[in-house]
């Protein structure tokens, strides 16, 4: 359970901030492009699977963006902020469950490894 929560938080961090960082700035590859490439190659996805996976990730990112935008409202109270953070976690858990239903156990483990790897790259860019 802790591993699932940890990975949900990792996924949230990654998906919420991957556009801030360049994974290979010397060649102009963004973290988003790097993530797509790694997921497609390491998970050996077909074109159809790739399309479905990135649609799930894109939808989750868009939902998170809308929720984060609400966090910036001037009348934001602590209670409202906590409720929005809870909704963000729900989005992350739901997207992760959707991915888990598509992936084999081995693919899910590889996906988790990719998320950890990219999270570390993002954090190094933000330091």
Foldseek 3Di string as FASTA:
>chain_A
DVVLLVLLVLLLLCLQCQQVDALCVVVPHGSVNVLLVQLCVVQVDDPVRSVVLVVLSVVLSVVLVVLVVVVPDPPDDPVNVVVSVVVNSVSSSVSLVVVPVVGDPVSNVSNSVSSVVSSVSRVVRVD
